PDB file of N, CA and C in Angstrom:
ATOM      1  N   MET A   1      85.981  51.070 197.301  1.00  0.00           N
ATOM      2  CA  MET A   1      85.939  50.348 196.058  1.00  0.00           C
ATOM      3  C   MET A   1      85.529  51.223 194.889  1.00  0.00           C
ATOM      4  N   SER A   2      84.940  52.355 195.161  1.00  0.00           N
ATOM      5  CA  SER A   2      84.482  53.184 194.047  1.00  0.00           C
ATOM      6  C   SER A   2      85.628  53.933 193.380  1.00  0.00           C
ATOM      7  N   ALA A   3      86.729  54.160 194.082  1.00  0.00           N
ATOM      8  CA  ALA A   3      87.844  54.906 193.497  1.00  0.00           C
ATOM      9  C   ALA A   3      88.502  54.156 192.331  1.00  0.00           C
ATOM     10  N   PRO A   4      88.851  52.862 192.456  1.00  0.00           N
ATOM     11  CA  PRO A   4      89.449  52.173 191.314  1.00  0.00           C
ATOM     12  C   PRO A   4      88.484  52.055 190.133  1.00  0.00           C
ATOM     13  N   THR A   5      87.212  51.865 190.423  1.00  0.00           N
ATOM     14  CA  THR A   5      86.232  51.742 189.351  1.00  0.00           C
ATOM     15  C   THR A   5      86.092  53.051 188.593  1.00  0.00           C
ATOM     16  N   SER A   6      86.077  54.176 189.311  1.00  0.00           N
ATOM     17  CA  SER A   6      85.929  55.457 188.631  1.00  0.00           C
ATOM     18  C   SER A   6      87.177  55.812 187.831  1.00  0.00           C
ATOM     19  N   SER A   7      88.362  55.465 188.353  1.00  0.00           N
ATOM     20  CA  SER A   7      89.575  55.749 187.585  1.00  0.00           C
ATOM     21  C   SER A   7      89.661  54.830 186.370  1.00  0.00           C
ATOM     22  N   ARG A   8      89.194  53.604 186.511  1.00  0.00           N
ATOM     23  CA  ARG A   8      89.169  52.691 185.380  1.00  0.00           C
ATOM     24  C   ARG A   8      88.157  53.170 184.338  1.00  0.00           C
ATOM     25  N   GLY A   9      87.047  53.695 184.800  1.00  0.00           N
ATOM     26  CA  GLY A   9      86.049  54.240 183.881  1.00  0.00           C
ATOM     27  C   GLY A   9      86.550  55.476 183.168  1.00  0.00           C
ATOM     28  N   ALA A  10      87.300  56.305 183.887  1.00  0.00           N
ATOM     29  CA  ALA A  10      87.864  57.503 183.263  1.00  0.00           C
ATOM     30  C   ALA A  10      88.894  57.119 182.211  1.00  0.00           C
ATOM     31  N   ALA A  11      89.700  56.104 182.503  1.00  0.00           N
ATOM     32  CA  ALA A  11      90.692  55.646 181.524  1.00  0.00           C
ATOM     33  C   ALA A  11      90.003  55.050 180.304  1.00  0.00           C
ATOM     34  N   ALA A  12      88.919  54.331 180.524  1.00  0.00           N
ATOM     35  CA  ALA A  12      88.183  53.745 179.403  1.00  0.00           C
ATOM     36  C   ALA A  12      87.559  54.836 178.541  1.00  0.00           C
ATOM     37  N   ARG A  13      87.004  55.864 179.180  1.00  0.00           N
ATOM     38  CA  ARG A  13      86.427  56.980 178.415  1.00  0.00           C
ATOM     39  C   ARG A  13      87.509  57.717 177.639  1.00  0.00           C
ATOM     40  N   TRP A  14      88.666  57.931 178.275  1.00  0.00           N
ATOM     41  CA  TRP A  14      89.775  58.608 177.604  1.00  0.00           C
ATOM     42  C   TRP A  14      90.249  57.789 176.407  1.00  0.00           C
ATOM     43  N   GLY A  15      90.345  56.474 176.589  1.00  0.00           N
ATOM     44  CA  GLY A  15      90.754  55.595 175.494  1.00  0.00           C
ATOM     45  C   GLY A  15      89.741  55.591 174.365  1.00  0.00           C
ATOM     46  N   LEU A  16      88.462  55.596 174.710  1.00  0.00           N
ATOM     47  CA  LEU A  16      87.421  55.633 173.685  1.00  0.00           C
ATOM     48  C   LEU A  16      87.449  56.955 172.930  1.00  0.00           C
ATOM     49  N   ASN A  17      87.650  58.058 173.645  1.00  0.00           N
ATOM     50  CA  ASN A  17      87.746  59.361 172.983  1.00  0.00           C
ATOM     51  C   ASN A  17      88.954  59.425 172.052  1.00  0.00           C
ATOM     52  N   LEU A  18      90.072  58.865 172.488  1.00  0.00           N
ATOM     53  CA  LEU A  18      91.266  58.835 171.646  1.00  0.00           C
ATOM     54  C   LEU A  18      91.025  57.981 170.405  1.00  0.00           C
ATOM     55  N   TYR A  19      90.410  56.835 170.580  1.00  0.00           N
ATOM     56  CA  TYR A  19      90.099  55.942 169.465  1.00  0.00           C
ATOM     57  C   TYR A  19      89.150  56.624 168.479  1.00  0.00           C
ATOM     58  N   ALA A  20      88.150  57.334 168.979  1.00  0.00           N
ATOM     59  CA  ALA A  20      87.214  58.053 168.113  1.00  0.00           C
ATOM     60  C   ALA A  20      87.908  59.188 167.366  1.00  0.00           C
ATOM     61  N   ALA A  21      88.795  59.905 168.040  1.00  0.00           N
ATOM     62  CA  ALA A  21      89.522  60.997 167.384  1.00  0.00           C
ATOM     63  C   ALA A  21      90.422  60.468 166.274  1.00  0.00           C
ATOM     64  N   ILE A  22      91.091  59.355 166.516  1.00  0.00           N
ATOM     65  CA  ILE A  22      91.936  58.759 165.476  1.00  0.00           C
ATOM     66  C   ILE A  22      91.082  58.299 164.301  1.00  0.00           C
ATOM     67  N   GLY A  23      89.927  57.725 164.593  1.00  0.00           N
ATOM     68  CA  GLY A  23      89.027  57.297 163.522  1.00  0.00           C
ATOM     69  C   GLY A  23      88.526  58.462 162.691  1.00  0.00           C
ATOM     70  N   LEU A  24      88.167  59.555 163.337  1.00  0.00           N
ATOM     71  CA  LEU A  24      87.699  60.731 162.597  1.00  0.00           C
ATOM     72  C   LEU A  24      88.819  61.350 161.770  1.00  0.00           C
ATOM     73  N   LEU A  25      90.019  61.394 162.316  1.00  0.00           N
ATOM     74  CA  LEU A  25      91.159  61.890 161.537  1.00  0.00           C
ATOM     75  C   LEU A  25      91.405  61.009 160.318  1.00  0.00           C
ATOM     76  N   TYR A  26      91.293  59.704 160.494  1.00  0.00           N
ATOM     77  CA  TYR A  26      91.484  58.763 159.394  1.00  0.00           C
ATOM     78  C   TYR A  26      90.467  59.011 158.281  1.00  0.00           C
ATOM     79  N   LEU A  27      89.267  59.428 158.641  1.00  0.00           N
ATOM     80  CA  LEU A  27      88.232  59.682 157.639  1.00  0.00           C
ATOM     81  C   LEU A  27      88.333  61.063 157.007  1.00  0.00           C
ATOM     82  N   PHE A  28      88.654  62.082 157.795  1.00  0.00           N
ATOM     83  CA  PHE A  28      88.555  63.450 157.297  1.00  0.00           C
ATOM     84  C   PHE A  28      89.851  64.034 156.742  1.00  0.00           C
ATOM     85  N   VAL A  29      90.999  63.543 157.138  1.00  0.00           N
ATOM     86  CA  VAL A  29      92.257  64.073 156.600  1.00  0.00           C
ATOM     87  C   VAL A  29      92.360  63.851 155.090  1.00  0.00           C
ATOM     88  N   PRO A  30      92.021  62.677 154.550  1.00  0.00           N
ATOM     89  CA  PRO A  30      92.074  62.540 153.085  1.00  0.00           C
ATOM     90  C   PRO A  30      91.120  63.477 152.353  1.00  0.00           C
ATOM     91  N   ILE A  31      89.956  63.731 152.912  1.00  0.00           N
ATOM     92  CA  ILE A  31      89.011  64.654 152.279  1.00  0.00           C
ATOM     93  C   ILE A  31      89.578  66.065 152.285  1.00  0.00           C
ATOM     94  N   ALA A  32      90.144  66.479 153.405  1.00  0.00           N
ATOM     95  CA  ALA A  32      90.756  67.811 153.474  1.00  0.00           C
ATOM     96  C   ALA A  32      91.930  67.913 152.509  1.00  0.00           C
ATOM     97  N   TRP A  33      92.695  66.847 152.370  1.00  0.00           N
ATOM     98  CA  TRP A  33      93.833  66.826 151.441  1.00  0.00           C
ATOM     99  C   TRP A  33      93.357  67.015 149.998  1.00  0.00           C
ATOM    100  N   ILE A  34      92.277  66.338 149.627  1.00  0.00           N
ATOM    101  CA  ILE A  34      91.728  66.458 148.269  1.00  0.00           C
ATOM    102  C   ILE A  34      91.230  67.872 148.020  1.00  0.00           C
ATOM    103  N   VAL A  35      90.512  68.437 148.977  1.00  0.00           N
ATOM    104  CA  VAL A  35      90.007  69.804 148.813  1.00  0.00           C
ATOM    105  C   VAL A  35      91.169  70.783 148.694  1.00  0.00           C
ATOM    106  N   LEU A  36      92.174  70.639 149.532  1.00  0.00           N
ATOM    107  CA  LEU A  36      93.329  71.535 149.482  1.00  0.00           C
ATOM    108  C   LEU A  36      94.035  71.454 148.129  1.00  0.00           C
ATOM    109  N   PHE A  37      94.307  70.266 147.652  1.00  0.00           N
ATOM    110  CA  PHE A  37      95.048  70.119 146.410  1.00  0.00           C
ATOM    111  C   PHE A  37      94.187  70.317 145.168  1.00  0.00           C
ATOM    112  N   SER A  38      92.886  70.497 145.326  1.00  0.00           N
ATOM    113  CA  SER A  38      92.075  70.857 144.163  1.00  0.00           C
ATOM    114  C   SER A  38      92.324  72.306 143.752  1.00  0.00           C
ATOM    115  N   PHE A  39      92.942  73.086 144.626  1.00  0.00           N
ATOM    116  CA  PHE A  39      93.298  74.470 144.311  1.00  0.00           C
ATOM    117  C   PHE A  39      94.765  74.599 143.891  1.00  0.00           C
ATOM    118  N   ASN A  40      95.408  73.494 143.592  1.00  0.00           N
ATOM    119  CA  ASN A  40      96.809  73.481 143.179  1.00  0.00           C
ATOM    120  C   ASN A  40      96.892  73.385 141.659  1.00  0.00           C
ATOM    121  N   GLU A  41      97.934  73.955 141.104  1.00  0.00           N
ATOM    122  CA  GLU A  41      98.172  73.826 139.666  1.00  0.00           C
ATOM    123  C   GLU A  41      99.273  72.790 139.458  1.00  0.00           C
ATOM    124  N   PRO A  42      98.904  71.572 139.055  1.00  0.00           N
ATOM    125  CA  PRO A  42      99.923  70.536 138.897  1.00  0.00           C
ATOM    126  C   PRO A  42     100.764  70.753 137.647  1.00  0.00           C
ATOM    127  N   LYS A  43     102.027  70.365 137.724  1.00  0.00           N
ATOM    128  CA  LYS A  43     102.910  70.492 136.562  1.00  0.00           C
ATOM    129  C   LYS A  43     102.885  69.240 135.710  1.00  0.00           C
ATOM    130  N   GLY A  44     102.497  68.134 136.251  1.00  0.00           N
ATOM    131  CA  GLY A  44     102.474  66.881 135.506  1.00  0.00           C
ATOM    132  C   GLY A  44     101.187  66.124 135.778  1.00  0.00           C
ATOM    133  N   ARG A  45     101.274  64.830 135.672  1.00  0.00           N
ATOM    134  CA  ARG A  45     100.103  63.987 135.883  1.00  0.00           C
ATOM    135  C   ARG A  45      99.708  63.928 137.360  1.00  0.00           C
ATOM    136  N   TYR A  46     100.693  63.937 138.225  1.00  0.00           N
ATOM    137  CA  TYR A  46     100.420  63.773 139.652  1.00  0.00           C
ATOM    138  C   TYR A  46     100.398  65.119 140.358  1.00  0.00           C
ATOM    139  N   ASN A  47      99.489  65.245 141.298  1.00  0.00           N
ATOM    140  CA  ASN A  47      99.278  66.489 142.025  1.00  0.00           C
ATOM    141  C   ASN A  47      99.740  66.303 143.470  1.00  0.00           C
ATOM    142  N   ILE A  48     101.015  65.987 143.655  1.00  0.00           N
ATOM    143  CA  ILE A  48     101.517  65.671 144.988  1.00  0.00           C
ATOM    144  C   ILE A  48     102.236  66.856 145.619  1.00  0.00           C
ATOM    145  N   VAL A  49     102.992  67.601 144.833  1.00  0.00           N
ATOM    146  CA  VAL A  49     103.776  68.725 145.343  1.00  0.00           C
ATOM    147  C   VAL A  49     103.024  70.017 145.053  1.00  0.00           C
ATOM    148  N   TRP A  50     102.919  70.875 146.075  1.00  0.00           N
ATOM    149  CA  TRP A  50     102.211  72.144 145.903  1.00  0.00           C
ATOM    150  C   TRP A  50     103.009  73.053 144.980  1.00  0.00           C
ATOM    151  N   GLN A  51     102.376  73.524 143.898  1.00  0.00           N
ATOM    152  CA  GLN A  51     103.028  74.417 142.951  1.00  0.00           C
ATOM    153  C   GLN A  51     102.609  75.862 143.193  1.00  0.00           C
ATOM    154  N   ARG A  52     101.320  76.142 142.981  1.00  0.00           N
ATOM    155  CA  ARG A  52     100.809  77.488 143.249  1.00  0.00           C
ATOM    156  C   ARG A  52      99.297  77.425 143.326  1.00  0.00           C
ATOM    157  N   PHE A  53      98.703  78.417 143.978  1.00  0.00           N
ATOM    158  CA  PHE A  53      97.258  78.484 144.140  1.00  0.00           C
ATOM    159  C   PHE A  53      96.605  78.886 142.827  1.00  0.00           C
ATOM    160  N   THR A  54      95.518  78.203 142.475  1.00  0.00           N
ATOM    161  CA  THR A  54      94.768  78.547 141.282  1.00  0.00           C
ATOM    162  C   THR A  54      93.306  78.152 141.458  1.00  0.00           C
ATOM    163  N   LEU A  55      92.432  78.903 140.822  1.00  0.00           N
ATOM    164  CA  LEU A  55      91.011  78.561 140.778  1.00  0.00           C
ATOM    165  C   LEU A  55      90.634  77.967 139.424  1.00  0.00           C
ATOM    166  N   GLU A  56      91.633  77.681 138.614  1.00  0.00           N
ATOM    167  CA  GLU A  56      91.397  77.189 137.262  1.00  0.00           C
ATOM    168  C   GLU A  56      90.645  75.857 137.257  1.00  0.00           C
ATOM    169  N   ASN A  57      90.925  75.004 138.216  1.00  0.00           N
ATOM    170  CA  ASN A  57      90.260  73.706 138.275  1.00  0.00           C
ATOM    171  C   ASN A  57      88.775  73.841 138.575  1.00  0.00           C
ATOM    172  N   TRP A  58      88.385  74.912 139.249  1.00  0.00           N
ATOM    173  CA  TRP A  58      86.999  75.109 139.635  1.00  0.00           C
ATOM    174  C   TRP A  58      86.255  76.074 138.717  1.00  0.00           C
ATOM    175  N   SER A  59      86.949  76.742 137.805  1.00  0.00           N
ATOM    176  CA  SER A  59      86.269  77.692 136.917  1.00  0.00           C
ATOM    177  C   SER A  59      85.362  76.967 135.928  1.00  0.00           C
ATOM    178  N   ASP A  60      85.785  75.830 135.412  1.00  0.00           N
ATOM    179  CA  ASP A  60      84.964  75.021 134.512  1.00  0.00           C
ATOM    180  C   ASP A  60      85.226  73.552 134.835  1.00  0.00           C
ATOM    181  N   PRO A  61      84.542  73.016 135.838  1.00  0.00           N
ATOM    182  CA  PRO A  61      84.867  71.659 136.285  1.00  0.00           C
ATOM    183  C   PRO A  61      84.521  70.572 135.271  1.00  0.00           C
ATOM    184  N   PHE A  62      83.652  70.861 134.299  1.00  0.00           N
ATOM    185  CA  PHE A  62      83.265  69.844 133.330  1.00  0.00           C
ATOM    186  C   PHE A  62      84.013  69.979 132.012  1.00  0.00           C
ATOM    187  N   SER A  63      85.123  70.681 132.000  1.00  0.00           N
ATOM    188  CA  SER A  63      85.900  70.825 130.770  1.00  0.00           C
ATOM    189  C   SER A  63      86.712  69.569 130.460  1.00  0.00           C
ATOM    190  N   ASN A  64      87.034  68.778 131.467  1.00  0.00           N
ATOM    191  CA  ASN A  64      87.783  67.541 131.274  1.00  0.00           C
ATOM    192  C   ASN A  64      86.791  66.413 130.986  1.00  0.00           C
ATOM    193  N   ALA A  65      86.847  65.855 129.787  1.00  0.00           N
ATOM    194  CA  ALA A  65      85.880  64.837 129.370  1.00  0.00           C
ATOM    195  C   ALA A  65      85.976  63.572 130.214  1.00  0.00           C
ATOM    196  N   ALA A  66      87.170  63.179 130.604  1.00  0.00           N
ATOM    197  CA  ALA A  66      87.331  61.965 131.405  1.00  0.00           C
ATOM    198  C   ALA A  66      86.690  62.129 132.782  1.00  0.00           C
ATOM    199  N   LEU A  67      86.865  63.296 133.393  1.00  0.00           N
ATOM    200  CA  LEU A  67      86.250  63.530 134.700  1.00  0.00           C
ATOM    201  C   LEU A  67      84.733  63.625 134.595  1.00  0.00           C
ATOM    202  N   THR A  68      84.246  64.236 133.527  1.00  0.00           N
ATOM    203  CA  THR A  68      82.805  64.335 133.317  1.00  0.00           C
ATOM    204  C   THR A  68      82.200  62.953 133.130  1.00  0.00           C
ATOM    205  N   ASN A  69      82.869  62.109 132.370  1.00  0.00           N
ATOM    206  CA  ASN A  69      82.387  60.750 132.155  1.00  0.00           C
ATOM    207  C   ASN A  69      82.382  59.958 133.461  1.00  0.00           C
ATOM    208  N   ALA A  70      83.428  60.087 134.257  1.00  0.00           N
ATOM    209  CA  ALA A  70      83.501  59.388 135.540  1.00  0.00           C
ATOM    210  C   ALA A  70      82.410  59.873 136.489  1.00  0.00           C
ATOM    211  N   PHE A  71      82.153  61.169 136.496  1.00  0.00           N
ATOM    212  CA  PHE A  71      81.117  61.731 137.359  1.00  0.00           C
ATOM    213  C   PHE A  71      79.733  61.234 136.948  1.00  0.00           C
ATOM    214  N   SER A  72      79.446  61.235 135.652  1.00  0.00           N
ATOM    215  CA  SER A  72      78.135  60.771 135.187  1.00  0.00           C
ATOM    216  C   SER A  72      77.973  59.277 135.446  1.00  0.00           C
ATOM    217  N   GLN A  73      79.040  58.507 135.297  1.00  0.00           N
ATOM    218  CA  GLN A  73      78.977  57.073 135.586  1.00  0.00           C
ATOM    219  C   GLN A  73      78.706  56.838 137.073  1.00  0.00           C
ATOM    220  N   SER A  74      79.311  57.627 137.934  1.00  0.00           N
ATOM    221  CA  SER A  74      79.067  57.512 139.373  1.00  0.00           C
ATOM    222  C   SER A  74      77.621  57.833 139.715  1.00  0.00           C
ATOM    223  N   LEU A  75      77.064  58.854 139.067  1.00  0.00           N
ATOM    224  CA  LEU A  75      75.659  59.191 139.306  1.00  0.00           C
ATOM    225  C   LEU A  75      74.730  58.082 138.834  1.00  0.00           C
ATOM    226  N   LYS A  76      75.040  57.460 137.700  1.00  0.00           N
ATOM    227  CA  LYS A  76      74.222  56.344 137.201  1.00  0.00           C
ATOM    228  C   LYS A  76      74.263  55.169 138.165  1.00  0.00           C
ATOM    229  N   ILE A  77      75.445  54.835 138.651  1.00  0.00           N
ATOM    230  CA  ILE A  77      75.579  53.726 139.595  1.00  0.00           C
ATOM    231  C   ILE A  77      74.848  54.035 140.895  1.00  0.00           C
ATOM    232  N   ALA A  78      74.930  55.272 141.355  1.00  0.00           N
ATOM    233  CA  ALA A  78      74.219  55.666 142.579  1.00  0.00           C
ATOM    234  C   ALA A  78      72.715  55.561 142.388  1.00  0.00           C
ATOM    235  N   ALA A  79      72.216  55.977 141.228  1.00  0.00           N
ATOM    236  CA  ALA A  79      70.777  55.908 140.961  1.00  0.00           C
ATOM    237  C   ALA A  79      70.311  54.459 140.880  1.00  0.00           C
ATOM    238  N   ILE A  80      71.091  53.603 140.240  1.00  0.00           N
ATOM    239  CA  ILE A  80      70.712  52.195 140.109  1.00  0.00           C
ATOM    240  C   ILE A  80      70.762  51.494 141.463  1.00  0.00           C
ATOM    241  N   SER A  81      71.757  51.794 142.267  1.00  0.00           N
ATOM    242  CA  SER A  81      71.904  51.110 143.551  1.00  0.00           C
ATOM    243  C   SER A  81      70.858  51.538 144.570  1.00  0.00           C
ATOM    244  N   THR A  82      70.292  52.723 144.420  1.00  0.00           N
ATOM    245  CA  THR A  82      69.273  53.172 145.369  1.00  0.00           C
ATOM    246  C   THR A  82      67.862  52.892 144.885  1.00  0.00           C
ATOM    247  N   ALA A  83      67.721  52.444 143.661  1.00  0.00           N
ATOM    248  CA  ALA A  83      66.381  52.165 143.117  1.00  0.00           C
ATOM    249  C   ALA A  83      65.840  50.866 143.644  1.00  0.00           C
TER     250      ALA A  83
END
């Protein structure tokens, strides 16, 4: 009787590992995508197609007023929500 139980347990562990791997991919692939495309030089409003590698976006990250405002607003909300 121990053989079917152990094979069932192995299948359950394999299924759980697969489920966990899919969950981690679901969480980390978008973050990796954002980091990768932060080094891209977009030609228009959308940064979907890779154009060329550049460090321009990281040389002065606070040069864009809209992004600076969004970042400061996020910090304010984080401070208020944790207080």
